[in-house]
Amino acid sequence: MASRTPNRPKTSSATSHARAPHQVRIIGGQYKRTPLPVIDAEGLRPTGDRVRETLFNWLGPDLAGWRCADLFAGTGALGFEAASRGAARVTLVESHAPALRALHAVRDKLRAGMVDIVAGDVFAWLARQADGAFDLIFIDPPFVQDWTLRALEAALRVVPEGGLIYVESPRPLVEAASGEGAVPEAGMPLPAGVVLHRHLRAGAVHAHLLLRKNG
């Protein structure tokens, strides 16, 4: 995959993370305004419309040809948004049965043949994927499970140099201070192999766009 540098955002202001509604909507592309149901499940936090709008401003309006994976997919808001904007292949990985039923219903309604839905454990699924298999991965795990760093480290292998990883977390991902090897107490250490390209804080959530780099 050719190296990509994401577009600059139209605005750099952080927006408030929306409280969980009964539904969210796809905000751009061919499926624009399609509602996505939000089931009543502990830890389910659909990425709000304005945060998604900022993210996809970062990515650019056209994802034609991109291979994407939405881990801990939940409502599928990030993955379906990517499909709506032209991604060639989108894989939604989810283990919660009611969420899976909702994902299948949305895919069938949209007739979105580019979307694959995988029922199972994210980490086991990642271990089966080929090196460099995806151009863009979304990681938004339930915060109570503390899976953010584990998922990010597991995803590095399947994203080639120049690829992108989007991460939502309760604390910011930060690089260790130069020469000190320490991370500020309020942050989480950014693993080797990625650099922070964009960050915003939306209420209690930190959203990061990371650029995959070797070395």
N, C-alpha and C. Protein backbone atom coordinates (compact mmCIF):
# COMPACT_ATOMS: atom_id res chain seq x y z
N MET A 1 0.84 -1.19 0.00
CA MET A 1 0.00 0.00 0.00
C MET A 1 0.87 1.23 0.00
N ALA A 2 0.53 2.19 -0.85
CA ALA A 2 1.28 3.44 -0.86
C ALA A 2 1.04 4.20 0.43
N SER A 3 2.07 4.90 0.88
CA SER A 3 1.95 5.66 2.11
C SER A 3 0.92 6.76 1.95
N ARG A 4 0.10 6.93 2.97
CA ARG A 4 -0.94 7.96 2.93
C ARG A 4 -0.69 8.96 4.03
N THR A 5 -0.86 10.22 3.73
CA THR A 5 -0.86 11.25 4.76
C THR A 5 -2.27 11.78 4.85
N PRO A 6 -2.97 11.58 5.98
CA PRO A 6 -4.36 12.00 6.09
C PRO A 6 -4.50 13.50 5.90
N ASN A 7 -5.69 13.88 5.41
CA ASN A 7 -5.98 15.29 5.20
C ASN A 7 -6.01 16.05 6.51
N ARG A 8 -5.74 17.32 6.44
CA ARG A 8 -5.88 18.17 7.61
C ARG A 8 -7.35 18.35 7.94
N PRO A 9 -7.71 18.43 9.22
CA PRO A 9 -9.11 18.62 9.57
C PRO A 9 -9.57 20.02 9.23
N LYS A 10 -10.87 20.17 8.96
CA LYS A 10 -11.44 21.48 8.73
C LYS A 10 -11.48 22.30 10.00
N THR A 11 -11.56 21.60 11.13
CA THR A 11 -11.54 22.30 12.41
C THR A 11 -10.73 21.48 13.39
N SER A 12 -10.05 22.12 14.29
CA SER A 12 -9.24 21.39 15.27
C SER A 12 -9.88 21.39 16.64
N SER A 13 -11.06 21.95 16.76
CA SER A 13 -11.70 22.04 18.07
C SER A 13 -12.27 20.70 18.48
N ALA A 14 -12.09 20.34 19.75
CA ALA A 14 -12.66 19.10 20.28
C ALA A 14 -14.15 19.28 20.47
N THR A 15 -14.88 18.17 20.29
CA THR A 15 -16.32 18.21 20.45
C THR A 15 -16.72 17.28 21.56
N SER A 16 -17.87 17.51 22.14
CA SER A 16 -18.35 16.69 23.25
C SER A 16 -18.76 15.33 22.75
N HIS A 17 -18.39 14.29 23.48
CA HIS A 17 -18.79 12.93 23.13
C HIS A 17 -20.27 12.78 23.44
N ALA A 18 -21.05 12.42 22.42
CA ALA A 18 -22.49 12.35 22.60
C ALA A 18 -22.85 11.25 23.59
N ARG A 19 -23.85 11.50 24.41
CA ARG A 19 -24.37 10.43 25.26
C ARG A 19 -25.00 9.38 24.37
N ALA A 20 -25.01 8.15 24.84
CA ALA A 20 -25.48 7.06 24.00
C ALA A 20 -26.96 7.23 23.68
N PRO A 21 -27.31 7.44 22.41
CA PRO A 21 -28.71 7.55 22.02
C PRO A 21 -29.27 6.18 21.67
N HIS A 22 -30.53 6.13 21.24
CA HIS A 22 -31.10 4.87 20.79
C HIS A 22 -30.67 4.55 19.37
N GLN A 23 -30.18 5.55 18.66
CA GLN A 23 -29.61 5.30 17.35
C GLN A 23 -28.64 6.41 16.98
N VAL A 24 -27.71 6.09 16.10
CA VAL A 24 -26.86 7.09 15.49
C VAL A 24 -27.07 6.97 13.98
N ARG A 25 -26.50 7.88 13.23
CA ARG A 25 -26.71 7.87 11.79
C ARG A 25 -25.38 7.93 11.05
N ILE A 26 -25.34 7.29 9.90
CA ILE A 26 -24.22 7.46 8.99
C ILE A 26 -24.26 8.89 8.47
N ILE A 27 -23.12 9.57 8.49
CA ILE A 27 -23.15 11.01 8.22
C ILE A 27 -22.65 11.41 6.84
N GLY A 28 -22.09 10.49 6.06
CA GLY A 28 -21.61 10.86 4.74
C GLY A 28 -21.60 9.68 3.79
N GLY A 29 -21.45 9.98 2.50
CA GLY A 29 -21.33 8.93 1.50
C GLY A 29 -22.66 8.38 1.02
N GLN A 30 -22.60 7.21 0.38
CA GLN A 30 -23.78 6.66 -0.28
C GLN A 30 -24.87 6.22 0.68
N TYR A 31 -24.51 5.94 1.93
CA TYR A 31 -25.51 5.51 2.92
C TYR A 31 -25.88 6.63 3.89
N LYS A 32 -25.57 7.85 3.53
CA LYS A 32 -25.79 9.00 4.41
C LYS A 32 -27.21 9.01 4.97
N ARG A 33 -27.29 9.30 6.27
CA ARG A 33 -28.54 9.42 7.05
C ARG A 33 -29.17 8.07 7.40
N THR A 34 -28.53 6.96 7.05
CA THR A 34 -29.05 5.67 7.47
C THR A 34 -28.92 5.53 8.98
N PRO A 35 -30.02 5.22 9.70
CA PRO A 35 -29.92 5.04 11.16
C PRO A 35 -29.28 3.71 11.52
N LEU A 36 -28.49 3.73 12.60
CA LEU A 36 -27.87 2.52 13.14
C LEU A 36 -28.38 2.34 14.56
N PRO A 37 -29.07 1.25 14.86
CA PRO A 37 -29.62 1.06 16.20
C PRO A 37 -28.53 0.90 17.24
N VAL A 38 -28.78 1.43 18.42
CA VAL A 38 -27.86 1.28 19.55
C VAL A 38 -28.55 0.40 20.59
N ILE A 39 -28.09 -0.83 20.73
CA ILE A 39 -28.72 -1.74 21.67
C ILE A 39 -28.32 -1.38 23.10
N ASP A 40 -29.09 -1.85 24.04
CA ASP A 40 -28.81 -1.61 25.46
C ASP A 40 -27.82 -2.66 25.93
N ALA A 41 -26.53 -2.30 25.94
CA ALA A 41 -25.49 -3.23 26.34
C ALA A 41 -24.43 -2.48 27.13
N GLU A 42 -23.98 -3.09 28.21
CA GLU A 42 -22.97 -2.46 29.05
C GLU A 42 -21.69 -2.20 28.26
N GLY A 43 -21.19 -0.98 28.37
CA GLY A 43 -19.93 -0.63 27.73
C GLY A 43 -20.05 -0.19 26.28
N LEU A 44 -21.27 -0.25 25.70
CA LEU A 44 -21.44 0.16 24.31
C LEU A 44 -21.45 1.68 24.22
N ARG A 45 -20.48 2.24 23.50
CA ARG A 45 -20.37 3.69 23.34
C ARG A 45 -20.24 4.01 21.85
N PRO A 46 -21.32 4.21 21.16
CA PRO A 46 -21.18 4.54 19.74
C PRO A 46 -20.46 5.87 19.58
N THR A 47 -19.53 5.92 18.63
CA THR A 47 -18.83 7.18 18.36
C THR A 47 -19.83 8.19 17.82
N GLY A 48 -19.92 9.34 18.48
CA GLY A 48 -20.91 10.35 18.12
C GLY A 48 -20.70 10.94 16.74
N ASP A 49 -21.77 11.54 16.22
CA ASP A 49 -21.74 12.07 14.85
C ASP A 49 -20.62 13.08 14.65
N ARG A 50 -20.46 14.00 15.58
CA ARG A 50 -19.49 15.07 15.36
C ARG A 50 -18.05 14.56 15.48
N VAL A 51 -17.82 13.58 16.34
CA VAL A 51 -16.48 12.99 16.41
C VAL A 51 -16.19 12.22 15.12
N ARG A 52 -17.17 11.48 14.62
CA ARG A 52 -16.97 10.78 13.35
C ARG A 52 -16.74 11.76 12.20
N GLU A 53 -17.46 12.86 12.22
CA GLU A 53 -17.26 13.86 11.17
C GLU A 53 -15.82 14.38 11.19
N THR A 54 -15.31 14.65 12.39
CA THR A 54 -13.92 15.11 12.50
C THR A 54 -12.96 14.03 12.02
N LEU A 55 -13.18 12.79 12.45
CA LEU A 55 -12.31 11.69 12.02
C LEU A 55 -12.28 11.58 10.51
N PHE A 56 -13.43 11.61 9.86
CA PHE A 56 -13.45 11.41 8.42
C PHE A 56 -13.01 12.65 7.66
N ASN A 57 -13.03 13.81 8.29
CA ASN A 57 -12.33 14.96 7.73
C ASN A 57 -10.83 14.71 7.73
N TRP A 58 -10.33 14.11 8.81
CA TRP A 58 -8.91 13.76 8.86
C TRP A 58 -8.54 12.78 7.75
N LEU A 59 -9.40 11.79 7.55
CA LEU A 59 -9.11 10.73 6.58
C LEU A 59 -9.29 11.19 5.15
N GLY A 60 -10.19 12.15 4.93
CA GLY A 60 -10.52 12.57 3.58
C GLY A 60 -11.84 11.96 3.14
N PRO A 61 -12.49 12.55 2.13
CA PRO A 61 -13.85 12.15 1.77
C PRO A 61 -13.96 10.84 1.00
N ASP A 62 -12.87 10.36 0.43
CA ASP A 62 -12.93 9.20 -0.46
C ASP A 62 -11.99 8.11 0.03
N LEU A 63 -12.57 6.99 0.44
CA LEU A 63 -11.76 5.85 0.90
C LEU A 63 -11.74 4.73 -0.14
N ALA A 64 -11.92 5.08 -1.40
CA ALA A 64 -12.00 4.07 -2.46
C ALA A 64 -10.78 3.16 -2.44
N GLY A 65 -11.05 1.86 -2.43
CA GLY A 65 -9.99 0.87 -2.46
C GLY A 65 -9.42 0.48 -1.11
N TRP A 66 -9.80 1.18 -0.05
CA TRP A 66 -9.23 0.91 1.27
C TRP A 66 -9.78 -0.39 1.84
N ARG A 67 -8.94 -1.08 2.59
CA ARG A 67 -9.32 -2.29 3.34
C ARG A 67 -9.37 -1.89 4.82
N CYS A 68 -10.53 -2.01 5.42
CA CYS A 68 -10.75 -1.49 6.78
C CYS A 68 -11.27 -2.58 7.70
N ALA A 69 -10.96 -2.44 8.99
CA ALA A 69 -11.51 -3.35 10.00
C ALA A 69 -11.97 -2.52 11.19
N ASP A 70 -13.16 -2.83 11.68
CA ASP A 70 -13.75 -2.16 12.84
C ASP A 70 -13.78 -3.18 13.97
N LEU A 71 -12.84 -3.04 14.91
CA LEU A 71 -12.72 -3.99 16.01
C LEU A 71 -13.62 -3.57 17.17
N PHE A 72 -14.21 -4.55 17.86
CA PHE A 72 -15.21 -4.26 18.90
C PHE A 72 -16.30 -3.38 18.27
N ALA A 73 -16.87 -3.85 17.17
CA ALA A 73 -17.64 -2.99 16.27
C ALA A 73 -18.86 -2.36 16.91
N GLY A 74 -19.53 -3.06 17.83
CA GLY A 74 -20.70 -2.46 18.47
C GLY A 74 -21.79 -2.15 17.47
N THR A 75 -22.10 -0.87 17.28
CA THR A 75 -23.11 -0.45 16.30
C THR A 75 -22.59 -0.54 14.87
N GLY A 76 -21.27 -0.66 14.71
CA GLY A 76 -20.70 -0.63 13.37
C GLY A 76 -20.60 0.76 12.78
N ALA A 77 -20.76 1.80 13.62
CA ALA A 77 -20.81 3.17 13.10
C ALA A 77 -19.56 3.53 12.31
N LEU A 78 -18.39 3.15 12.80
CA LEU A 78 -17.15 3.49 12.11
C LEU A 78 -16.99 2.67 10.83
N GLY A 79 -17.25 1.38 10.92
CA GLY A 79 -17.10 0.53 9.74
C GLY A 79 -18.10 0.85 8.65
N PHE A 80 -19.37 1.03 9.01
CA PHE A 80 -20.37 1.37 8.00
C PHE A 80 -20.10 2.75 7.40
N GLU A 81 -19.58 3.67 8.20
CA GLU A 81 -19.20 4.99 7.68
C GLU A 81 -18.11 4.84 6.62
N ALA A 82 -17.11 3.98 6.89
CA ALA A 82 -16.05 3.75 5.90
C ALA A 82 -16.62 3.12 4.63
N ALA A 83 -17.52 2.15 4.78
CA ALA A 83 -18.15 1.53 3.62
C ALA A 83 -18.94 2.56 2.82
N SER A 84 -19.63 3.44 3.51
CA SER A 84 -20.42 4.48 2.84
C SER A 84 -19.56 5.39 2.00
N ARG A 85 -18.29 5.55 2.41
CA ARG A 85 -17.38 6.47 1.73
C ARG A 85 -16.44 5.76 0.75
N GLY A 86 -16.79 4.55 0.36
CA GLY A 86 -16.11 3.92 -0.75
C GLY A 86 -15.10 2.84 -0.43
N ALA A 87 -14.94 2.46 0.84
CA ALA A 87 -13.97 1.42 1.17
C ALA A 87 -14.29 0.14 0.39
N ALA A 88 -13.24 -0.52 -0.09
CA ALA A 88 -13.44 -1.72 -0.89
C ALA A 88 -13.86 -2.91 -0.04
N ARG A 89 -13.38 -2.93 1.20
CA ARG A 89 -13.65 -4.06 2.08
C ARG A 89 -13.68 -3.56 3.51
N VAL A 90 -14.71 -3.93 4.25
CA VAL A 90 -14.83 -3.54 5.65
C VAL A 90 -15.18 -4.79 6.45
N THR A 91 -14.40 -5.09 7.47
CA THR A 91 -14.67 -6.23 8.34
C THR A 91 -15.06 -5.72 9.71
N LEU A 92 -16.23 -6.12 10.18
CA LEU A 92 -16.72 -5.77 11.51
C LEU A 92 -16.53 -6.97 12.42
N VAL A 93 -15.81 -6.79 13.51
CA VAL A 93 -15.53 -7.89 14.44
C VAL A 93 -16.22 -7.60 15.76
N GLU A 94 -17.09 -8.51 16.18
CA GLU A 94 -17.90 -8.31 17.39
C GLU A 94 -18.21 -9.67 18.00
N SER A 95 -18.32 -9.73 19.33
CA SER A 95 -18.60 -11.00 20.00
C SER A 95 -19.96 -11.04 20.67
N HIS A 96 -20.63 -9.89 20.81
CA HIS A 96 -21.89 -9.81 21.55
C HIS A 96 -23.05 -10.15 20.62
N ALA A 97 -23.81 -11.20 20.95
CA ALA A 97 -24.83 -11.72 20.03
C ALA A 97 -25.87 -10.68 19.63
N PRO A 98 -26.47 -9.91 20.56
CA PRO A 98 -27.45 -8.91 20.13
C PRO A 98 -26.85 -7.86 19.19
N ALA A 99 -25.61 -7.44 19.46
CA ALA A 99 -24.95 -6.48 18.56
C ALA A 99 -24.73 -7.10 17.19
N LEU A 100 -24.37 -8.36 17.14
CA LEU A 100 -24.17 -9.04 15.86
C LEU A 100 -25.46 -9.09 15.05
N ARG A 101 -26.57 -9.36 15.72
CA ARG A 101 -27.85 -9.40 15.01
C ARG A 101 -28.16 -8.03 14.41
N ALA A 102 -27.90 -6.98 15.17
CA ALA A 102 -28.15 -5.62 14.66
C ALA A 102 -27.23 -5.30 13.48
N LEU A 103 -25.97 -5.72 13.55
CA LEU A 103 -25.04 -5.48 12.44
C LEU A 103 -25.51 -6.19 11.17
N HIS A 104 -25.93 -7.43 11.30
CA HIS A 104 -26.43 -8.16 10.13
C HIS A 104 -27.66 -7.48 9.54
N ALA A 105 -28.55 -6.99 10.40
CA ALA A 105 -29.76 -6.33 9.91
C ALA A 105 -29.42 -5.07 9.12
N VAL A 106 -28.47 -4.29 9.62
CA VAL A 106 -28.07 -3.07 8.90
C VAL A 106 -27.41 -3.42 7.57
N ARG A 107 -26.50 -4.38 7.59
CA ARG A 107 -25.85 -4.77 6.33
C ARG A 107 -26.86 -5.24 5.30
N ASP A 108 -27.83 -6.04 5.74
CA ASP A 108 -28.84 -6.54 4.81
C ASP A 108 -29.69 -5.39 4.27
N LYS A 109 -30.03 -4.45 5.13
CA LYS A 109 -30.83 -3.30 4.70
C LYS A 109 -30.09 -2.48 3.65
N LEU A 110 -28.80 -2.29 3.85
CA LEU A 110 -28.00 -1.49 2.93
C LEU A 110 -27.56 -2.28 1.69
N ARG A 111 -27.67 -3.61 1.75
CA ARG A 111 -27.14 -4.47 0.69
C ARG A 111 -25.66 -4.17 0.48
N ALA A 112 -24.97 -4.05 1.59
CA ALA A 112 -23.56 -3.66 1.59
C ALA A 112 -22.68 -4.89 1.46
N GLY A 113 -22.47 -5.34 0.24
CA GLY A 113 -21.72 -6.56 0.01
C GLY A 113 -20.24 -6.46 0.35
N MET A 114 -19.74 -5.23 0.49
CA MET A 114 -18.32 -5.06 0.84
C MET A 114 -18.07 -5.25 2.33
N VAL A 115 -19.14 -5.41 3.12
CA VAL A 115 -19.02 -5.53 4.58
C VAL A 115 -19.08 -6.99 4.99
N ASP A 116 -18.04 -7.45 5.68
CA ASP A 116 -18.01 -8.78 6.29
C ASP A 116 -18.21 -8.63 7.79
N ILE A 117 -18.97 -9.53 8.39
CA ILE A 117 -19.22 -9.51 9.83
C ILE A 117 -18.65 -10.78 10.43
N VAL A 118 -17.78 -10.61 11.41
CA VAL A 118 -17.12 -11.74 12.06
C VAL A 118 -17.60 -11.83 13.50
N ALA A 119 -18.13 -12.98 13.88
CA ALA A 119 -18.54 -13.23 15.26
C ALA A 119 -17.39 -13.91 15.98
N GLY A 120 -16.83 -13.23 16.97
CA GLY A 120 -15.74 -13.87 17.70
C GLY A 120 -14.84 -12.89 18.42
N ASP A 121 -13.78 -13.43 18.96
CA ASP A 121 -12.83 -12.68 19.76
C ASP A 121 -11.89 -11.87 18.86
N VAL A 122 -11.75 -10.59 19.16
CA VAL A 122 -10.91 -9.70 18.36
C VAL A 122 -9.47 -10.20 18.30
N PHE A 123 -8.92 -10.61 19.43
CA PHE A 123 -7.51 -10.98 19.47
C PHE A 123 -7.24 -12.27 18.70
N ALA A 124 -8.14 -13.23 18.80
CA ALA A 124 -7.99 -14.46 18.02
C ALA A 124 -8.11 -14.17 16.53
N TRP A 125 -9.04 -13.28 16.18
CA TRP A 125 -9.21 -12.92 14.77
C TRP A 125 -7.96 -12.21 14.23
N LEU A 126 -7.41 -11.26 14.98
CA LEU A 126 -6.21 -10.56 14.53
C LEU A 126 -5.05 -11.53 14.30
N ALA A 127 -4.93 -12.52 15.16
CA ALA A 127 -3.83 -13.48 15.04
C ALA A 127 -3.90 -14.29 13.75
N ARG A 128 -5.09 -14.38 13.16
CA ARG A 128 -5.25 -15.15 11.92
C ARG A 128 -5.02 -14.32 10.66
N GLN A 129 -4.89 -13.00 10.79
CA GLN A 129 -4.79 -12.14 9.62
C GLN A 129 -3.36 -12.06 9.09
N ALA A 130 -3.25 -11.85 7.79
CA ALA A 130 -1.94 -11.74 7.16
C ALA A 130 -1.28 -10.41 7.50
N ASP A 131 0.02 -10.38 7.46
CA ASP A 131 0.75 -9.13 7.66
C ASP A 131 0.29 -8.10 6.63
N GLY A 132 0.06 -6.87 7.09
CA GLY A 132 -0.29 -5.78 6.19
C GLY A 132 -1.63 -5.93 5.50
N ALA A 133 -2.57 -6.65 6.10
CA ALA A 133 -3.83 -6.96 5.42
C ALA A 133 -4.80 -5.79 5.35
N PHE A 134 -4.62 -4.77 6.21
CA PHE A 134 -5.60 -3.69 6.29
C PHE A 134 -4.92 -2.32 6.22
N ASP A 135 -5.57 -1.41 5.49
CA ASP A 135 -5.07 -0.04 5.38
C ASP A 135 -5.48 0.82 6.56
N LEU A 136 -6.61 0.50 7.18
CA LEU A 136 -7.17 1.31 8.26
C LEU A 136 -7.88 0.39 9.25
N ILE A 137 -7.55 0.55 10.52
CA ILE A 137 -8.22 -0.22 11.58
C ILE A 137 -8.78 0.75 12.60
N PHE A 138 -10.02 0.49 13.00
CA PHE A 138 -10.67 1.24 14.07
C PHE A 138 -10.64 0.40 15.35
N ILE A 139 -10.20 0.99 16.45
CA ILE A 139 -10.14 0.29 17.73
C ILE A 139 -10.89 1.12 18.77
N ASP A 140 -12.02 0.59 19.24
CA ASP A 140 -12.83 1.29 20.25
C ASP A 140 -13.41 0.26 21.20
N PRO A 141 -12.57 -0.31 22.07
CA PRO A 141 -13.03 -1.39 22.96
C PRO A 141 -13.81 -0.85 24.15
N PRO A 142 -14.56 -1.72 24.84
CA PRO A 142 -15.18 -1.29 26.10
C PRO A 142 -14.09 -0.85 27.08
N PHE A 143 -14.21 0.36 27.59
CA PHE A 143 -13.14 0.88 28.44
C PHE A 143 -12.96 0.07 29.72
N VAL A 144 -14.05 -0.52 30.22
CA VAL A 144 -13.97 -1.26 31.47
C VAL A 144 -13.03 -2.46 31.35
N GLN A 145 -12.82 -2.96 30.13
CA GLN A 145 -11.97 -4.14 29.93
C GLN A 145 -10.49 -3.81 29.85
N ASP A 146 -10.14 -2.55 29.67
CA ASP A 146 -8.73 -2.14 29.59
C ASP A 146 -7.99 -2.90 28.49
N TRP A 147 -8.60 -2.96 27.32
CA TRP A 147 -8.03 -3.69 26.19
C TRP A 147 -7.35 -2.77 25.17
N THR A 148 -7.32 -1.48 25.40
CA THR A 148 -6.87 -0.54 24.37
C THR A 148 -5.46 -0.85 23.88
N LEU A 149 -4.50 -0.89 24.80
CA LEU A 149 -3.11 -1.10 24.39
C LEU A 149 -2.89 -2.50 23.83
N ARG A 150 -3.54 -3.49 24.43
CA ARG A 150 -3.39 -4.86 23.92
C ARG A 150 -3.89 -4.95 22.48
N ALA A 151 -5.03 -4.32 22.20
CA ALA A 151 -5.58 -4.36 20.85
C ALA A 151 -4.70 -3.59 19.87
N LEU A 152 -4.21 -2.44 20.30
CA LEU A 152 -3.34 -1.65 19.44
C LEU A 152 -2.07 -2.42 19.08
N GLU A 153 -1.45 -3.02 20.07
CA GLU A 153 -0.21 -3.76 19.80
C GLU A 153 -0.47 -4.97 18.89
N ALA A 154 -1.61 -5.62 19.08
CA ALA A 154 -1.94 -6.77 18.23
C ALA A 154 -2.25 -6.35 16.80
N ALA A 155 -2.76 -5.13 16.63
CA ALA A 155 -3.13 -4.66 15.30
C ALA A 155 -1.95 -4.18 14.47
N LEU A 156 -0.83 -3.87 15.09
CA LEU A 156 0.30 -3.29 14.36
C LEU A 156 0.75 -4.17 13.20
N ARG A 157 0.76 -5.47 13.41
CA ARG A 157 1.28 -6.39 12.40
C ARG A 157 0.44 -6.38 11.13
N VAL A 158 -0.86 -6.15 11.25
CA VAL A 158 -1.75 -6.28 10.09
C VAL A 158 -1.95 -4.96 9.36
N VAL A 159 -1.25 -3.90 9.78
CA VAL A 159 -1.31 -2.60 9.10
C VAL A 159 0.07 -2.30 8.53
N PRO A 160 0.18 -2.05 7.23
CA PRO A 160 1.49 -1.81 6.63
C PRO A 160 1.99 -0.40 6.94
N GLU A 161 3.26 -0.17 6.66
CA GLU A 161 3.80 1.17 6.82
C GLU A 161 3.00 2.14 5.95
N GLY A 162 2.63 3.27 6.53
CA GLY A 162 1.79 4.24 5.85
C GLY A 162 0.31 4.05 6.11
N GLY A 163 -0.06 2.91 6.72
CA GLY A 163 -1.45 2.67 7.09
C GLY A 163 -1.84 3.45 8.33
N LEU A 164 -3.10 3.35 8.70
CA LEU A 164 -3.65 4.17 9.77
C LEU A 164 -4.40 3.32 10.79
N ILE A 165 -4.33 3.75 12.05
CA ILE A 165 -5.08 3.11 13.13
C ILE A 165 -5.77 4.22 13.92
N TYR A 166 -7.08 4.08 14.08
CA TYR A 166 -7.86 5.03 14.88
C TYR A 166 -8.17 4.36 16.21
N VAL A 167 -7.93 5.08 17.30
CA VAL A 167 -8.11 4.52 18.65
C VAL A 167 -8.90 5.50 19.51
N GLU A 168 -9.93 4.98 20.20
CA GLU A 168 -10.61 5.73 21.26
C GLU A 168 -10.22 5.12 22.59
N SER A 169 -9.95 5.97 23.57
CA SER A 169 -9.49 5.49 24.88
C SER A 169 -9.88 6.48 25.96
N PRO A 170 -9.90 6.03 27.23
CA PRO A 170 -10.26 6.93 28.33
C PRO A 170 -9.13 7.86 28.73
N ARG A 171 -7.91 7.54 28.30
CA ARG A 171 -6.74 8.37 28.59
C ARG A 171 -5.96 8.59 27.30
N PRO A 172 -5.19 9.66 27.22
CA PRO A 172 -4.47 9.93 25.97
C PRO A 172 -3.32 8.97 25.76
N LEU A 173 -3.08 8.63 24.52
CA LEU A 173 -1.89 7.89 24.13
C LEU A 173 -0.76 8.89 23.92
N VAL A 174 0.35 8.69 24.62
CA VAL A 174 1.43 9.67 24.57
C VAL A 174 2.77 8.96 24.39
N GLU A 175 3.70 9.65 23.78
CA GLU A 175 5.05 9.13 23.63
C GLU A 175 5.83 9.38 24.91
N ALA A 176 6.74 8.47 25.21
CA ALA A 176 7.61 8.65 26.37
C ALA A 176 8.46 9.89 26.17
N ALA A 177 8.74 10.59 27.26
CA ALA A 177 9.60 11.77 27.18
C ALA A 177 10.95 11.38 26.62
N SER A 178 11.47 12.21 25.74
CA SER A 178 12.72 11.92 25.05
C SER A 178 13.84 11.63 26.04
N GLY A 179 14.44 10.43 25.89
CA GLY A 179 15.59 10.06 26.71
C GLY A 179 15.25 9.60 28.11
N GLU A 180 13.97 9.65 28.49
CA GLU A 180 13.62 9.30 29.86
C GLU A 180 12.89 7.96 29.95
N GLY A 181 12.20 7.58 28.88
CA GLY A 181 11.49 6.32 28.89
C GLY A 181 10.28 6.30 29.80
N ALA A 182 9.81 7.46 30.21
CA ALA A 182 8.67 7.54 31.12
C ALA A 182 7.49 8.17 30.40
N VAL A 183 6.30 7.76 30.81
CA VAL A 183 5.07 8.31 30.26
C VAL A 183 4.36 9.07 31.36
N PRO A 184 3.82 10.25 31.06
CA PRO A 184 3.07 10.98 32.09
C PRO A 184 2.00 10.10 32.73
N GLU A 185 1.79 10.29 34.02
CA GLU A 185 0.90 9.42 34.78
C GLU A 185 -0.50 9.35 34.18
N ALA A 186 -0.98 10.45 33.62
CA ALA A 186 -2.35 10.49 33.10
C ALA A 186 -2.48 9.82 31.75
N GLY A 187 -1.36 9.46 31.11
CA GLY A 187 -1.42 8.92 29.77
C GLY A 187 -1.14 7.44 29.69
N MET A 188 -1.30 6.89 28.47
CA MET A 188 -0.94 5.51 28.17
C MET A 188 0.18 5.52 27.15
N PRO A 189 1.14 4.61 27.25
CA PRO A 189 2.31 4.66 26.36
C PRO A 189 1.96 4.29 24.93
N LEU A 190 2.39 5.10 24.01
CA LEU A 190 2.22 4.81 22.59
C LEU A 190 3.28 3.79 22.18
N PRO A 191 2.88 2.63 21.65
CA PRO A 191 3.88 1.61 21.32
C PRO A 191 4.75 2.02 20.14
N ALA A 192 5.91 1.42 20.05
CA ALA A 192 6.78 1.64 18.89
C ALA A 192 6.07 1.16 17.63
N GLY A 193 6.33 1.85 16.53
CA GLY A 193 5.73 1.44 15.26
C GLY A 193 4.61 2.32 14.80
N VAL A 194 4.17 3.26 15.63
CA VAL A 194 3.16 4.24 15.24
C VAL A 194 3.55 5.61 15.77
N VAL A 195 3.08 6.64 15.07
CA VAL A 195 3.24 8.00 15.55
C VAL A 195 1.87 8.65 15.60
N LEU A 196 1.71 9.56 16.52
CA LEU A 196 0.43 10.25 16.68
C LEU A 196 0.29 11.30 15.58
N HIS A 197 -0.76 11.17 14.77
CA HIS A 197 -1.00 12.14 13.70
C HIS A 197 -2.05 13.17 14.10
N ARG A 198 -3.10 12.74 14.76
CA ARG A 198 -4.17 13.64 15.20
C ARG A 198 -4.71 13.17 16.54
N HIS A 199 -5.16 14.09 17.34
CA HIS A 199 -5.77 13.77 18.63
C HIS A 199 -6.82 14.82 18.95
N LEU A 200 -7.92 14.37 19.51
CA LEU A 200 -8.89 15.30 20.09
C LEU A 200 -9.47 14.67 21.35
N ARG A 201 -9.91 15.53 22.24
CA ARG A 201 -10.61 15.07 23.44
C ARG A 201 -12.07 15.47 23.30
N ALA A 202 -12.95 14.50 23.50
CA ALA A 202 -14.38 14.73 23.39
C ALA A 202 -15.02 14.24 24.68
N GLY A 203 -15.20 15.14 25.63
CA GLY A 203 -15.71 14.73 26.93
C GLY A 203 -14.71 13.84 27.63
N ALA A 204 -15.15 12.63 28.00
CA ALA A 204 -14.27 11.69 28.71
C ALA A 204 -13.49 10.79 27.77
N VAL A 205 -13.60 11.02 26.47
CA VAL A 205 -12.99 10.13 25.48
C VAL A 205 -11.87 10.86 24.74
N HIS A 206 -10.76 10.15 24.55
CA HIS A 206 -9.67 10.65 23.72
C HIS A 206 -9.69 9.88 22.39
N ALA A 207 -9.69 10.62 21.30
CA ALA A 207 -9.69 10.03 19.96
C ALA A 207 -8.34 10.31 19.30
N HIS A 208 -7.73 9.27 18.75
CA HIS A 208 -6.39 9.38 18.17
C HIS A 208 -6.38 8.79 16.76
N LEU A 209 -5.70 9.45 15.86
CA LEU A 209 -5.39 8.86 14.56
C LEU A 209 -3.88 8.65 14.51
N LEU A 210 -3.49 7.39 14.36
CA LEU A 210 -2.09 7.01 14.41
C LEU A 210 -1.61 6.59 13.02
N LEU A 211 -0.39 6.95 12.69
CA LEU A 211 0.21 6.61 11.41
C LEU A 211 1.24 5.50 11.63
N ARG A 212 1.11 4.43 10.87
CA ARG A 212 2.00 3.27 11.02
C ARG A 212 3.34 3.57 10.38
N LYS A 213 4.39 3.39 11.17
CA LYS A 213 5.75 3.58 10.66
C LYS A 213 6.63 2.46 11.17
N ASN A 214 7.51 1.97 10.32
CA ASN A 214 8.46 0.95 10.74
C ASN A 214 9.69 1.59 11.35
N GLY A 215 10.29 0.86 12.28
CA GLY A 215 11.52 1.36 12.88
C GLY A 215 11.28 2.31 14.03
